[in-house]
Amino acid sequence: MPPHVIDKGIPRTGLLAQVLVAKYADHLPLYRQERIFGRTGLTLPRSTLAEWVGACGVQLRPLVDALRAALMQHPVLHADETQVSMLAPGKKNTHKA
């Protein structure tokens, strides 16, 4: 049996990848993902999703360190610091993020 990302954990790599891509690439908060999974009949509490995201972050640390080392070899880095409006959960107003 192949090793799991989360030791003795239920989620396989595909589900973890889905949660991470939805959170970071699609900007879909965990509370929305919880509702989406719920509509399909899968009960995944937000706290569980948050634990999975944290565990994946620990596992991805070597990749982050390697990326940081590669980026820091360059004399200049360019970044887009454009502000965007963000809606906080449960609030009707947006704020700059």
C-alpha atoms as a PDB file:
ATOM      1  CA  MET A   1       0.000   0.000   0.000  1.00  0.00           C
ATOM      2  CA  PRO A   2       1.453   3.423  -0.909  1.00  0.00           C
ATOM      3  CA  PRO A   3       2.283   5.783   1.955  1.00  0.00           C
ATOM      4  CA  HIS A   4      -0.286   8.412   2.887  1.00  0.00           C
ATOM      5  CA  VAL A   5       0.460  12.127   3.144  1.00  0.00           C
ATOM      6  CA  ILE A   6      -1.189  12.106   6.571  1.00  0.00           C
ATOM      7  CA  ASP A   7       0.072   9.162   8.631  1.00  0.00           C
ATOM      8  CA  LYS A   8      -2.790   6.767   9.401  1.00  0.00           C
ATOM      9  CA  GLY A   9      -5.152   9.283   7.822  1.00  0.00           C
ATOM     10  CA  ILE A  10      -8.231   8.637   5.736  1.00  0.00           C
ATOM     11  CA  PRO A  11      -7.711  11.204   2.937  1.00  0.00           C
ATOM     12  CA  ARG A  12      -5.785  10.149  -0.125  1.00  0.00           C
ATOM     13  CA  THR A  13      -3.602  12.467  -2.174  1.00  0.00           C
ATOM     14  CA  GLY A  14      -6.375  13.270  -4.657  1.00  0.00           C
ATOM     15  CA  LEU A  15      -8.745  14.592  -1.997  1.00  0.00           C
ATOM     16  CA  LEU A  16      -5.981  16.565  -0.294  1.00  0.00           C
ATOM     17  CA  ALA A  17      -4.946  18.059  -3.630  1.00  0.00           C
ATOM     18  CA  GLN A  18      -8.584  19.021  -4.307  1.00  0.00           C
ATOM     19  CA  VAL A  19      -8.893  20.799  -0.956  1.00  0.00           C
ATOM     20  CA  LEU A  20      -5.573  22.653  -1.385  1.00  0.00           C
ATOM     21  CA  VAL A  21      -6.223  23.693  -4.990  1.00  0.00           C
ATOM     22  CA  ALA A  22      -9.734  24.873  -4.122  1.00  0.00           C
ATOM     23  CA  LYS A  23      -8.382  26.860  -1.151  1.00  0.00           C
ATOM     24  CA  TYR A  24      -5.279  28.439  -2.656  1.00  0.00           C
ATOM     25  CA  ALA A  25      -5.765  28.446  -6.445  1.00  0.00           C
ATOM     26  CA  ASP A  26      -9.548  28.921  -6.568  1.00  0.00           C
ATOM     27  CA  HIS A  27      -9.726  31.046  -3.358  1.00  0.00           C
ATOM     28  CA  LEU A  28     -12.522  28.873  -1.975  1.00  0.00           C
ATOM     29  CA  PRO A  29     -12.592  29.122   1.849  1.00  0.00           C
ATOM     30  CA  LEU A  30     -12.871  25.976   3.912  1.00  0.00           C
ATOM     31  CA  TYR A  31     -16.354  26.844   5.172  1.00  0.00           C
ATOM     32  CA  ARG A  32     -17.589  26.848   1.566  1.00  0.00           C
ATOM     33  CA  GLN A  33     -15.809  23.595   0.806  1.00  0.00           C
ATOM     34  CA  GLU A  34     -17.462  22.099   3.895  1.00  0.00           C
ATOM     35  CA  ARG A  35     -20.883  23.012   2.445  1.00  0.00           C
ATOM     36  CA  ILE A  36     -19.978  21.711  -1.028  1.00  0.00           C
ATOM     37  CA  PHE A  37     -18.883  18.345   0.383  1.00  0.00           C
ATOM     38  CA  GLY A  38     -22.033  18.314   2.527  1.00  0.00           C
ATOM     39  CA  ARG A  39     -24.268  18.686  -0.527  1.00  0.00           C
ATOM     40  CA  THR A  40     -22.719  15.518  -1.959  1.00  0.00           C
ATOM     41  CA  GLY A  41     -23.438  13.639   1.270  1.00  0.00           C
ATOM     42  CA  LEU A  42     -19.899  13.767   2.645  1.00  0.00           C
ATOM     43  CA  THR A  43     -19.593  15.220   6.133  1.00  0.00           C
ATOM     44  CA  LEU A  44     -16.194  16.934   6.385  1.00  0.00           C
ATOM     45  CA  PRO A  45     -16.086  19.470   9.213  1.00  0.00           C
ATOM     46  CA  ARG A  46     -14.129  22.648   8.621  1.00  0.00           C
ATOM     47  CA  SER A  47     -11.836  21.741  11.515  1.00  0.00           C
ATOM     48  CA  THR A  48     -10.901  18.495   9.766  1.00  0.00           C
ATOM     49  CA  LEU A  49     -10.212  20.320   6.513  1.00  0.00           C
ATOM     50  CA  ALA A  50      -8.072  22.824   8.414  1.00  0.00           C
ATOM     51  CA  GLU A  51      -6.082  19.991  10.022  1.00  0.00           C
ATOM     52  CA  TRP A  52      -5.502  18.472   6.587  1.00  0.00           C
ATOM     53  CA  VAL A  53      -4.312  21.798   5.172  1.00  0.00           C
ATOM     54  CA  GLY A  54      -1.895  22.180   8.089  1.00  0.00           C
ATOM     55  CA  ALA A  55      -0.591  18.634   7.728  1.00  0.00           C
ATOM     56  CA  CYS A  56      -0.052  19.168   3.999  1.00  0.00           C
ATOM     57  CA  GLY A  57       1.801  22.387   4.776  1.00  0.00           C
ATOM     58  CA  VAL A  58       4.210  20.458   6.986  1.00  0.00           C
ATOM     59  CA  GLN A  59       4.739  17.861   4.263  1.00  0.00           C
ATOM     60  CA  LEU A  60       5.305  20.564   1.621  1.00  0.00           C
ATOM     61  CA  ARG A  61       7.914  22.420   3.705  1.00  0.00           C
ATOM     62  CA  PRO A  62      10.920  20.940   1.820  1.00  0.00           C
ATOM     63  CA  LEU A  63       9.407  22.154  -1.445  1.00  0.00           C
ATOM     64  CA  VAL A  64       8.864  25.634  -0.003  1.00  0.00           C
ATOM     65  CA  ASP A  65      12.448  25.732   1.243  1.00  0.00           C
ATOM     66  CA  ALA A  66      13.787  24.678  -2.175  1.00  0.00           C
ATOM     67  CA  LEU A  67      11.653  27.301  -3.924  1.00  0.00           C
ATOM     68  CA  ARG A  68      12.814  29.982  -1.503  1.00  0.00           C
ATOM     69  CA  ALA A  69      16.450  29.048  -2.072  1.00  0.00           C
ATOM     70  CA  ALA A  70      15.975  29.227  -5.854  1.00  0.00           C
ATOM     71  CA  LEU A  71      14.229  32.607  -5.639  1.00  0.00           C
ATOM     72  CA  MET A  72      16.831  34.097  -3.326  1.00  0.00           C
ATOM     73  CA  GLN A  73      19.573  33.377  -5.871  1.00  0.00           C
ATOM     74  CA  HIS A  74      18.217  36.215  -8.043  1.00  0.00           C
ATOM     75  CA  PRO A  75      19.312  39.806  -7.364  1.00  0.00           C
ATOM     76  CA  VAL A  76      15.807  41.230  -8.013  1.00  0.00           C
ATOM     77  CA  LEU A  77      12.324  39.793  -7.466  1.00  0.00           C
ATOM     78  CA  HIS A  78       9.176  41.358  -8.901  1.00  0.00           C
ATOM     79  CA  ALA A  79       5.801  41.003  -7.194  1.00  0.00           C
ATOM     80  CA  ASP A  80       2.295  42.274  -7.849  1.00  0.00           C
ATOM     81  CA  GLU A  81       1.075  44.077  -4.728  1.00  0.00           C
ATOM     82  CA  THR A  82      -2.257  45.177  -6.168  1.00  0.00           C
ATOM     83  CA  GLN A  83      -4.931  45.455  -3.468  1.00  0.00           C
ATOM     84  CA  VAL A  84      -8.161  43.533  -3.927  1.00  0.00           C
ATOM     85  CA  SER A  85     -11.496  43.722  -2.140  1.00  0.00           C
ATOM     86  CA  MET A  86     -12.102  40.798   0.205  1.00  0.00           C
ATOM     87  CA  LEU A  87     -15.393  39.776   1.794  1.00  0.00           C
ATOM     88  CA  ALA A  88     -14.975  38.423   5.318  1.00  0.00           C
ATOM     89  CA  PRO A  89     -17.229  35.451   6.222  1.00  0.00           C
ATOM     90  CA  GLY A  90     -20.439  36.610   7.880  1.00  0.00           C
ATOM     91  CA  LYS A  91     -19.909  40.285   7.067  1.00  0.00           C
ATOM     92  CA  LYS A  92     -21.566  42.339   4.359  1.00  0.00           C
ATOM     93  CA  ASN A  93     -18.737  44.817   3.821  1.00  0.00           C
ATOM     94  CA  THR A  94     -15.467  44.269   2.024  1.00  0.00           C
ATOM     95  CA  HIS A  95     -12.015  45.427   3.029  1.00  0.00           C
ATOM     96  CA  LYS A  96      -8.745  45.837   1.131  1.00  0.00           C
ATOM     97  CA  ALA A  97      -6.477  42.808   1.180  1.00  0.00           C
END
